């Protein structure tokens, strides 16, 4: 068995705030997304993401696509 962590796979609504992109998960937390990608095409839409958890509310985005 490997001791390596796997990325989180989540779905929710992508919001763009003054402080950057956020993922609103239904019945869950609101995650801040750390990325240099332009997420404007996903704004206010349901998405799926894969990301590394970097902090209590911060995800390092690996992949994003439509839900």
PDB file of N, CA and C in Angstrom:
ATOM      1  N   UNK A   1       0.843  -1.186   0.000  1.00  0.00           N
ATOM      2  CA  UNK A   1       0.000   0.000   0.000  1.00  0.00           C
ATOM      3  C   UNK A   1       0.880   1.239   0.000  1.00  0.00           C
ATOM      4  N   UNK A   2       0.516   2.197  -0.820  1.00  0.00           N
ATOM      5  CA  UNK A   2       1.278   3.428  -0.937  1.00  0.00           C
ATOM      6  C   UNK A   2       0.853   4.421   0.140  1.00  0.00           C
ATOM      7  N   UNK A   3       1.816   5.191   0.644  1.00  0.00           N
ATOM      8  CA  UNK A   3       1.524   6.208   1.639  1.00  0.00           C
ATOM      9  C   UNK A   3       1.196   7.557   1.022  1.00  0.00           C
ATOM     10  N   UNK A   4       1.146   7.617  -0.312  1.00  0.00           N
ATOM     11  CA  UNK A   4       0.881   8.892  -0.982  1.00  0.00           C
ATOM     12  C   UNK A   4      -0.590   9.234  -0.931  1.00  0.00           C
ATOM     13  N   UNK A   5      -0.865  10.511  -0.761  1.00  0.00           N
ATOM     14  CA  UNK A   5      -2.245  10.991  -0.749  1.00  0.00           C
ATOM     15  C   UNK A   5      -2.746  11.124  -2.184  1.00  0.00           C
ATOM     16  N   UNK A   6      -4.045  10.963  -2.343  1.00  0.00           N
ATOM     17  CA  UNK A   6      -4.657  11.185  -3.640  1.00  0.00           C
ATOM     18  C   UNK A   6      -5.365  12.534  -3.618  1.00  0.00           C
ATOM     19  N   UNK A   7      -5.530  13.165  -4.784  1.00  0.00           N
ATOM     20  CA  UNK A   7      -6.213  14.459  -4.804  1.00  0.00           C
ATOM     21  C   UNK A   7      -7.685  14.315  -4.430  1.00  0.00           C
ATOM     22  N   UNK A   8      -8.247  15.390  -3.907  1.00  0.00           N
ATOM     23  CA  UNK A   8      -9.679  15.441  -3.631  1.00  0.00           C
ATOM     24  C   UNK A   8     -10.424  15.608  -4.948  1.00  0.00           C
ATOM     25  N   UNK A   9     -11.567  14.974  -5.034  1.00  0.00           N
ATOM     26  CA  UNK A   9     -12.460  15.147  -6.183  1.00  0.00           C
ATOM     27  C   UNK A   9     -13.776  15.684  -5.643  1.00  0.00           C
ATOM     28  N   UNK A  10     -14.115  16.909  -6.036  1.00  0.00           N
ATOM     29  CA  UNK A  10     -15.297  17.587  -5.513  1.00  0.00           C
ATOM     30  C   UNK A  10     -16.119  18.166  -6.647  1.00  0.00           C
ATOM     31  N   UNK A  11     -17.381  18.432  -6.353  1.00  0.00           N
ATOM     32  CA  UNK A  11     -18.206  19.167  -7.309  1.00  0.00           C
ATOM     33  C   UNK A  11     -18.973  20.240  -6.556  1.00  0.00           C
ATOM     34  N   UNK A  12     -19.274  21.308  -7.277  1.00  0.00           N
ATOM     35  CA  UNK A  12     -19.977  22.435  -6.695  1.00  0.00           C
ATOM     36  C   UNK A  12     -20.140  23.535  -7.718  1.00  0.00           C
ATOM     37  N   UNK A  13     -20.420  24.735  -7.235  1.00  0.00           N
ATOM     38  CA  UNK A  13     -20.589  25.912  -8.090  1.00  0.00           C
ATOM     39  C   UNK A  13     -19.343  26.782  -7.954  1.00  0.00           C
ATOM     40  N   UNK A  14     -18.779  27.175  -9.093  1.00  0.00           N
ATOM     41  CA  UNK A  14     -17.605  28.039  -9.065  1.00  0.00           C
ATOM     42  C   UNK A  14     -18.044  29.495  -8.966  1.00  0.00           C
ATOM     43  N   UNK A  15     -17.530  30.196  -7.992  1.00  0.00           N
ATOM     44  CA  UNK A  15     -17.782  31.634  -7.813  1.00  0.00           C
ATOM     45  C   UNK A  15     -16.455  32.364  -7.941  1.00  0.00           C
ATOM     46  N   UNK A  16     -16.506  33.569  -8.455  1.00  0.00           N
ATOM     47  CA  UNK A  16     -15.311  34.408  -8.528  1.00  0.00           C
ATOM     48  C   UNK A  16     -15.564  35.605  -7.618  1.00  0.00           C
ATOM     49  N   UNK A  17     -14.733  35.736  -6.593  1.00  0.00           N
ATOM     50  CA  UNK A  17     -14.893  36.832  -5.636  1.00  0.00           C
ATOM     51  C   UNK A  17     -13.730  37.814  -5.790  1.00  0.00           C
ATOM     52  N   UNK A  18     -13.779  38.880  -5.020  1.00  0.00           N
ATOM     53  CA  UNK A  18     -12.684  39.852  -5.020  1.00  0.00           C
ATOM     54  C   UNK A  18     -11.379  39.209  -4.564  1.00  0.00           C
ATOM     55  N   UNK A  19     -11.487  38.150  -3.773  1.00  0.00           N
ATOM     56  CA  UNK A  19     -10.295  37.479  -3.239  1.00  0.00           C
ATOM     57  C   UNK A  19      -9.871  36.278  -4.069  1.00  0.00           C
ATOM     58  N   UNK A  20     -10.583  36.021  -5.170  1.00  0.00           N
ATOM     59  CA  UNK A  20     -10.210  34.920  -6.043  1.00  0.00           C
ATOM     60  C   UNK A  20     -11.333  33.914  -6.214  1.00  0.00           C
ATOM     61  N   UNK A  21     -11.037  32.800  -6.884  1.00  0.00           N
ATOM     62  CA  UNK A  21     -12.063  31.796  -7.157  1.00  0.00           C
ATOM     63  C   UNK A  21     -12.415  30.975  -5.920  1.00  0.00           C
ATOM     64  N   UNK A  22     -13.709  30.622  -5.830  1.00  0.00           N
ATOM     65  CA  UNK A  22     -14.230  29.832  -4.716  1.00  0.00           C
ATOM     66  C   UNK A  22     -15.053  28.677  -5.276  1.00  0.00           C
ATOM     67  N   UNK A  23     -15.030  27.561  -4.597  1.00  0.00           N
ATOM     68  CA  UNK A  23     -15.884  26.433  -4.930  1.00  0.00           C
ATOM     69  C   UNK A  23     -16.897  26.272  -3.814  1.00  0.00           C
ATOM     70  N   UNK A  24     -18.180  26.478  -4.136  1.00  0.00           N
ATOM     71  CA  UNK A  24     -19.255  26.286  -3.165  1.00  0.00           C
ATOM     72  C   UNK A  24     -19.769  24.861  -3.298  1.00  0.00           C
ATOM     73  N   UNK A  25     -19.552  24.074  -2.260  1.00  0.00           N
ATOM     74  CA  UNK A  25     -19.985  22.686  -2.242  1.00  0.00           C
ATOM     75  C   UNK A  25     -21.319  22.602  -1.505  1.00  0.00           C
ATOM     76  N   UNK A  26     -22.302  21.950  -2.117  1.00  0.00           N
ATOM     77  CA  UNK A  26     -23.606  21.817  -1.481  1.00  0.00           C
ATOM     78  C   UNK A  26     -23.461  21.052  -0.168  1.00  0.00           C
ATOM     79  N   UNK A  27     -24.051  21.579   0.890  1.00  0.00           N
ATOM     80  CA  UNK A  27     -23.971  20.970   2.224  1.00  0.00           C
ATOM     81  C   UNK A  27     -22.531  20.750   2.666  1.00  0.00           C
ATOM     82  N   UNK A  28     -21.655  21.669   2.287  1.00  0.00           N
ATOM     83  CA  UNK A  28     -20.257  21.527   2.667  1.00  0.00           C
ATOM     84  C   UNK A  28     -19.586  22.875   2.769  1.00  0.00           C
ATOM     85  N   UNK A  29     -18.274  22.861   2.849  1.00  0.00           N
ATOM     86  CA  UNK A  29     -17.531  24.119   2.999  1.00  0.00           C
ATOM     87  C   UNK A  29     -17.439  24.882   1.684  1.00  0.00           C
ATOM     88  N   UNK A  30     -17.002  26.109   1.795  1.00  0.00           N
ATOM     89  CA  UNK A  30     -16.624  26.902   0.624  1.00  0.00           C
ATOM     90  C   UNK A  30     -15.102  26.860   0.572  1.00  0.00           C
ATOM     91  N   UNK A  31     -14.581  26.378  -0.541  1.00  0.00           N
ATOM     92  CA  UNK A  31     -13.142  26.226  -0.714  1.00  0.00           C
ATOM     93  C   UNK A  31     -12.573  27.373  -1.537  1.00  0.00           C
ATOM     94  N   UNK A  32     -11.441  27.907  -1.107  1.00  0.00           N
ATOM     95  CA  UNK A  32     -10.683  28.838  -1.946  1.00  0.00           C
ATOM     96  C   UNK A  32      -9.854  27.991  -2.912  1.00  0.00           C
ATOM     97  N   UNK A  33      -9.727  28.448  -4.160  1.00  0.00           N
ATOM     98  CA  UNK A  33      -8.968  27.709  -5.162  1.00  0.00           C
ATOM     99  C   UNK A  33      -7.707  28.474  -5.527  1.00  0.00           C
ATOM    100  N   UNK A  34      -6.573  27.799  -5.409  1.00  0.00           N
ATOM    101  CA  UNK A  34      -5.290  28.377  -5.775  1.00  0.00           C
ATOM    102  C   UNK A  34      -4.950  27.899  -7.186  1.00  0.00           C
ATOM    103  N   UNK A  35      -4.940  28.839  -8.137  1.00  0.00           N
ATOM    104  CA  UNK A  35      -4.639  28.503  -9.526  1.00  0.00           C
ATOM    105  C   UNK A  35      -4.236  29.753 -10.282  1.00  0.00           C
ATOM    106  N   UNK A  36      -3.480  29.561 -11.343  1.00  0.00           N
ATOM    107  CA  UNK A  36      -3.161  30.678 -12.239  1.00  0.00           C
ATOM    108  C   UNK A  36      -4.032  30.615 -13.490  1.00  0.00           C
ATOM    109  N   UNK A  37      -4.883  29.589 -13.600  1.00  0.00           N
ATOM    110  CA  UNK A  37      -5.776  29.436 -14.747  1.00  0.00           C
ATOM    111  C   UNK A  37      -6.883  30.485 -14.731  1.00  0.00           C
ATOM    112  N   UNK A  38      -7.346  30.853 -15.919  1.00  0.00           N
ATOM    113  CA  UNK A  38      -8.489  31.754 -16.055  1.00  0.00           C
ATOM    114  C   UNK A  38      -9.757  30.921 -15.886  1.00  0.00           C
ATOM    115  N   UNK A  39     -10.459  31.109 -14.784  1.00  0.00           N
ATOM    116  CA  UNK A  39     -11.656  30.321 -14.499  1.00  0.00           C
ATOM    117  C   UNK A  39     -12.942  31.045 -14.885  1.00  0.00           C
ATOM    118  N   UNK A  40     -12.829  32.197 -15.537  1.00  0.00           N
ATOM    119  CA  UNK A  40     -14.015  32.973 -15.927  1.00  0.00           C
ATOM    120  C   UNK A  40     -15.021  32.162 -16.745  1.00  0.00           C
ATOM    121  N   UNK A  41     -14.599  31.262 -17.647  1.00  0.00           N
ATOM    122  CA  UNK A  41     -15.589  30.487 -18.401  1.00  0.00           C
ATOM    123  C   UNK A  41     -16.452  29.568 -17.527  1.00  0.00           C
ATOM    124  N   UNK A  42     -15.998  29.264 -16.318  1.00  0.00           N
ATOM    125  CA  UNK A  42     -16.729  28.379 -15.402  1.00  0.00           C
ATOM    126  C   UNK A  42     -17.548  29.144 -14.357  1.00  0.00           C
ATOM    127  N   UNK A  43     -17.467  30.468 -14.394  1.00  0.00           N
ATOM    128  CA  UNK A  43     -18.108  31.305 -13.375  1.00  0.00           C
ATOM    129  C   UNK A  43     -19.601  30.995 -13.231  1.00  0.00           C
ATOM    130  N   UNK A  44     -20.030  30.769 -11.982  1.00  0.00           N
ATOM    131  CA  UNK A  44     -21.433  30.525 -11.609  1.00  0.00           C
ATOM    132  C   UNK A  44     -22.025  29.257 -12.242  1.00  0.00           C
ATOM    133  N   UNK A  45     -21.167  28.332 -12.631  1.00  0.00           N
ATOM    134  CA  UNK A  45     -21.615  27.071 -13.234  1.00  0.00           C
ATOM    135  C   UNK A  45     -21.243  25.886 -12.343  1.00  0.00           C
ATOM    136  N   UNK A  46     -21.984  24.783 -12.462  1.00  0.00           N
ATOM    137  CA  UNK A  46     -21.592  23.570 -11.738  1.00  0.00           C
ATOM    138  C   UNK A  46     -20.331  22.974 -12.368  1.00  0.00           C
ATOM    139  N   UNK A  47     -19.370  22.652 -11.514  1.00  0.00           N
ATOM    140  CA  UNK A  47     -18.094  22.106 -11.976  1.00  0.00           C
ATOM    141  C   UNK A  47     -17.669  20.919 -11.117  1.00  0.00           C
ATOM    142  N   UNK A  48     -16.737  20.157 -11.661  1.00  0.00           N
ATOM    143  CA  UNK A  48     -16.016  19.117 -10.921  1.00  0.00           C
ATOM    144  C   UNK A  48     -14.558  19.543 -10.888  1.00  0.00           C
ATOM    145  N   UNK A  49     -13.908  19.307  -9.759  1.00  0.00           N
ATOM    146  CA  UNK A  49     -12.497  19.666  -9.642  1.00  0.00           C
ATOM    147  C   UNK A  49     -11.711  18.508  -9.033  1.00  0.00           C
ATOM    148  N   UNK A  50     -10.437  18.471  -9.373  1.00  0.00           N
ATOM    149  CA  UNK A  50      -9.460  17.649  -8.671  1.00  0.00           C
ATOM    150  C   UNK A  50      -8.432  18.618  -8.135  1.00  0.00           C
ATOM    151  N   UNK A  51      -8.070  18.449  -6.864  1.00  0.00           N
ATOM    152  CA  UNK A  51      -7.180  19.411  -6.229  1.00  0.00           C
ATOM    153  C   UNK A  51      -6.505  18.803  -5.010  1.00  0.00           C
ATOM    154  N   UNK A  52      -5.341  19.352  -4.682  1.00  0.00           N
ATOM    155  CA  UNK A  52      -4.658  19.003  -3.440  1.00  0.00           C
ATOM    156  C   UNK A  52      -5.158  19.921  -2.339  1.00  0.00           C
ATOM    157  N   UNK A  53      -5.419  19.381  -1.183  1.00  0.00           N
ATOM    158  CA  UNK A  53      -5.790  20.206  -0.027  1.00  0.00           C
ATOM    159  C   UNK A  53      -4.513  20.791   0.556  1.00  0.00           C
ATOM    160  N   UNK A  54      -4.434  22.117   0.611  1.00  0.00           N
ATOM    161  CA  UNK A  54      -3.237  22.807   1.098  1.00  0.00           C
ATOM    162  C   UNK A  54      -3.431  23.460   2.460  1.00  0.00           C
ATOM    163  N   UNK A  55      -4.684  23.697   2.837  1.00  0.00           N
ATOM    164  CA  UNK A  55      -4.980  24.360   4.103  1.00  0.00           C
ATOM    165  C   UNK A  55      -6.407  23.976   4.480  1.00  0.00           C
ATOM    166  N   UNK A  56      -6.878  24.472   5.600  1.00  0.00           N
ATOM    167  CA  UNK A  56      -8.227  24.128   6.058  1.00  0.00           C
ATOM    168  C   UNK A  56      -9.295  24.496   5.035  1.00  0.00           C
ATOM    169  N   UNK A  57      -9.070  25.560   4.266  1.00  0.00           N
ATOM    170  CA  UNK A  57     -10.067  25.976   3.284  1.00  0.00           C
ATOM    171  C   UNK A  57      -9.457  26.280   1.915  1.00  0.00           C
ATOM    172  N   UNK A  58      -8.229  25.812   1.662  1.00  0.00           N
ATOM    173  CA  UNK A  58      -7.521  26.116   0.417  1.00  0.00           C
ATOM    174  C   UNK A  58      -7.218  24.851  -0.364  1.00  0.00           C
ATOM    175  N   UNK A  59      -7.577  24.876  -1.651  1.00  0.00           N
ATOM    176  CA  UNK A  59      -7.270  23.774  -2.558  1.00  0.00           C
ATOM    177  C   UNK A  59      -6.356  24.272  -3.668  1.00  0.00           C
ATOM    178  N   UNK A  60      -5.326  23.489  -3.989  1.00  0.00           N
ATOM    179  CA  UNK A  60      -4.478  23.763  -5.138  1.00  0.00           C
ATOM    180  C   UNK A  60      -5.079  23.024  -6.320  1.00  0.00           C
ATOM    181  N   UNK A  61      -5.631  23.756  -7.265  1.00  0.00           N
ATOM    182  CA  UNK A  61      -6.375  23.187  -8.370  1.00  0.00           C
ATOM    183  C   UNK A  61      -5.473  22.435  -9.345  1.00  0.00           C
ATOM    184  N   UNK A  62      -5.860  21.195  -9.653  1.00  0.00           N
ATOM    185  CA  UNK A  62      -5.169  20.400 -10.659  1.00  0.00           C
ATOM    186  C   UNK A  62      -5.959  20.352 -11.960  1.00  0.00           C
ATOM    187  N   UNK A  63      -7.281  20.248 -11.839  1.00  0.00           N
ATOM    188  CA  UNK A  63      -8.158  20.078 -13.006  1.00  0.00           C
ATOM    189  C   UNK A  63      -9.537  20.617 -12.676  1.00  0.00           C
ATOM    190  N   UNK A  64     -10.192  21.204 -13.683  1.00  0.00           N
ATOM    191  CA  UNK A  64     -11.578  21.658 -13.535  1.00  0.00           C
ATOM    192  C   UNK A  64     -12.323  21.373 -14.830  1.00  0.00           C
ATOM    193  N   UNK A  65     -13.584  20.965 -14.698  1.00  0.00           N
ATOM    194  CA  UNK A  65     -14.415  20.705 -15.865  1.00  0.00           C
ATOM    195  C   UNK A  65     -15.879  20.803 -15.485  1.00  0.00           C
ATOM    196  N   UNK A  66     -16.747  20.735 -16.482  1.00  0.00           N
ATOM    197  CA  UNK A  66     -18.184  20.826 -16.194  1.00  0.00           C
ATOM    198  C   UNK A  66     -18.674  19.627 -15.404  1.00  0.00           C
ATOM    199  N   UNK A  67     -19.667  19.864 -14.558  1.00  0.00           N
ATOM    200  CA  UNK A  67     -20.234  18.775 -13.747  1.00  0.00           C
ATOM    201  C   UNK A  67     -21.304  18.044 -14.540  1.00  0.00           C
TER     202      UNK A  67
END
